[in-house]
Protein backbone atom coordinates (compact mmCIF):
# COMPACT_ATOMS: atom_id res chain seq x y z
CA MET A 1 -0.08 -0.16 -0.14
CA LYS A 2 1.21 3.43 -1.11
CA LYS A 3 1.91 6.04 1.80
CA SER A 4 -0.45 8.69 1.22
CA ALA A 5 1.29 12.64 0.91
CA LEU A 6 -1.25 14.20 2.57
CA ASN A 7 -0.72 14.01 6.62
CA ARG A 8 -2.76 14.78 9.49
CA ARG A 9 -2.05 18.08 10.43
CA ASP A 10 -2.13 19.00 5.95
CA PHE A 11 -5.62 17.28 5.65
CA LEU A 12 -7.22 19.54 9.06
CA ARG A 13 -5.99 22.61 7.44
CA VAL A 14 -6.86 22.16 4.41
CA GLY A 15 -10.88 20.74 5.62
CA LEU A 16 -10.97 23.98 8.28
CA THR A 17 -10.13 26.26 5.68
CA GLY A 18 -12.77 25.20 3.23
CA LEU A 19 -15.14 25.30 6.66
CA VAL A 20 -14.61 28.89 7.08
CA THR A 21 -14.12 29.84 3.19
CA THR A 22 -17.53 28.22 2.91
CA GLY A 23 -19.23 29.93 5.87
CA ALA A 24 -17.72 33.31 5.53
CA ALA A 25 -19.72 32.97 2.13
CA GLY A 26 -22.71 31.90 3.33
CA LEU A 27 -22.54 34.87 5.72
CA LEU A 28 -21.83 37.32 3.40
CA LEU A 29 -24.89 35.88 0.62
CA ALA A 30 -26.87 36.49 3.67
CA ASP A 31 -26.33 40.16 4.15
CA ASP A 32 -26.26 40.61 0.67
CA LYS A 33 -29.88 39.76 0.74
CA LYS A 34 -31.23 41.18 4.25
CA GLN A 35 -29.49 44.83 2.40
CA LYS A 36 -31.82 44.02 -0.52
CA GLN A 37 -34.74 43.17 1.49
CA GLU A 38 -34.37 46.52 3.23
CA ALA A 39 -33.97 48.26 0.04
CA LYS A 40 -37.23 47.00 -1.05
CA LYS A 41 -38.93 47.32 2.07
CA GLN A 42 -38.10 50.88 2.01
CA SER A 43 -39.18 51.56 -1.30
CA THR A 44 -42.90 49.68 -0.33
CA THR A 45 -43.24 51.00 2.83
CA ALA A 46 -42.20 55.54 1.71
CA SER A 47 -45.35 55.11 -0.83
CA GLY A 48 -47.18 51.90 0.21
CA PRO A 49 -47.41 48.94 -2.44
CA GLN A 50 -49.09 50.64 -5.71
CA PRO A 51 -52.46 49.11 -7.31
CA PRO A 52 -52.96 48.65 -10.54
CA GLY A 53 -54.07 51.63 -12.09
CA GLY A 54 -52.74 53.84 -9.48
CA ARG A 55 -55.80 53.94 -7.45
CA ARG A 56 -56.08 53.86 -3.59
CA GLU A 57 -59.72 55.00 -2.90
CA GLY A 58 -59.85 53.75 0.24
CA PHE A 59 -58.39 50.58 -0.03
CA ILE A 60 -55.39 49.21 1.53
CA TYR A 61 -53.31 47.22 -0.47
CA ARG A 62 -50.77 43.98 0.07
CA THR A 63 -48.48 42.23 -2.68
CA LEU A 64 -49.34 39.04 -3.28
CA GLY A 65 -46.13 37.21 -1.49
CA ARG A 66 -43.20 37.56 -3.69
CA THR A 67 -45.32 37.61 -7.09
CA GLY A 68 -45.42 41.44 -6.92
CA VAL A 69 -48.92 41.56 -7.55
CA VAL A 70 -50.67 43.98 -5.75
CA LEU A 71 -54.19 43.28 -4.44
CA PRO A 72 -56.62 45.28 -1.83
CA VAL A 73 -57.56 43.29 1.54
CA VAL A 74 -61.06 43.12 0.39
CA SER A 75 -62.46 41.54 -2.03
CA MET A 76 -65.85 41.09 -3.79
CA GLY A 77 -67.45 37.81 -4.07
CA VAL A 78 -70.02 37.23 -6.95
CA MET A 79 -71.71 33.76 -7.53
CA ASN A 80 -75.08 35.59 -6.96
CA SER A 81 -73.88 38.85 -8.16
CA ASP A 82 -76.79 39.05 -11.53
CA ASN A 83 -76.65 42.67 -11.80
CA PRO A 84 -74.08 44.18 -13.92
CA GLU A 85 -74.34 48.08 -12.37
CA LEU A 86 -73.15 46.31 -8.59
CA VAL A 87 -69.77 44.89 -9.98
CA ARG A 88 -69.48 48.03 -12.54
CA ALA A 89 -69.87 50.04 -9.19
CA ALA A 90 -67.29 47.87 -7.07
CA LEU A 91 -64.67 47.76 -10.11
CA ASP A 92 -65.12 52.10 -10.52
CA SER A 93 -64.35 51.97 -6.33
CA GLY A 94 -61.08 50.62 -7.11
CA LEU A 95 -61.60 47.14 -6.29
CA VAL A 96 -59.86 44.63 -8.57
CA HIS A 97 -59.97 41.57 -6.99
CA LEU A 98 -63.67 39.64 -7.98
CA ASP A 99 -64.47 36.07 -6.50
CA THR A 100 -65.51 34.59 -9.57
CA ALA A 101 -64.60 30.53 -8.54
CA HIS A 102 -65.65 28.27 -10.91
CA GLY A 103 -66.60 25.59 -8.23
CA TYR A 104 -69.86 27.87 -7.06
CA GLN A 105 -73.15 26.21 -7.51
CA ARG A 106 -71.08 23.99 -10.05
CA GLY A 107 -70.26 27.04 -12.51
CA ARG A 108 -73.03 27.87 -13.04
């Protein structure tokens, strides 16, 4: 059997160097991610999330996860809304989320 040129001391030095380097890279990436999140938070906190069409009439808007989709916290279910004027009034007031789930009454 051939004796390895790598002794215990060199093995530990190389292994620990790799661990420290990996840990430092992880810390740098985590810090960069935190800085980006803070910058994004400051840009949306100053003026709030911008709703579609720039309308803000009395509704509170929130960004849907990381999608960037901005919706009001209020929505309207239109299962039994057979009056188009009611839906039009909701849209004109700034409401942009109408729940029209196909599952309501088997899609009828």
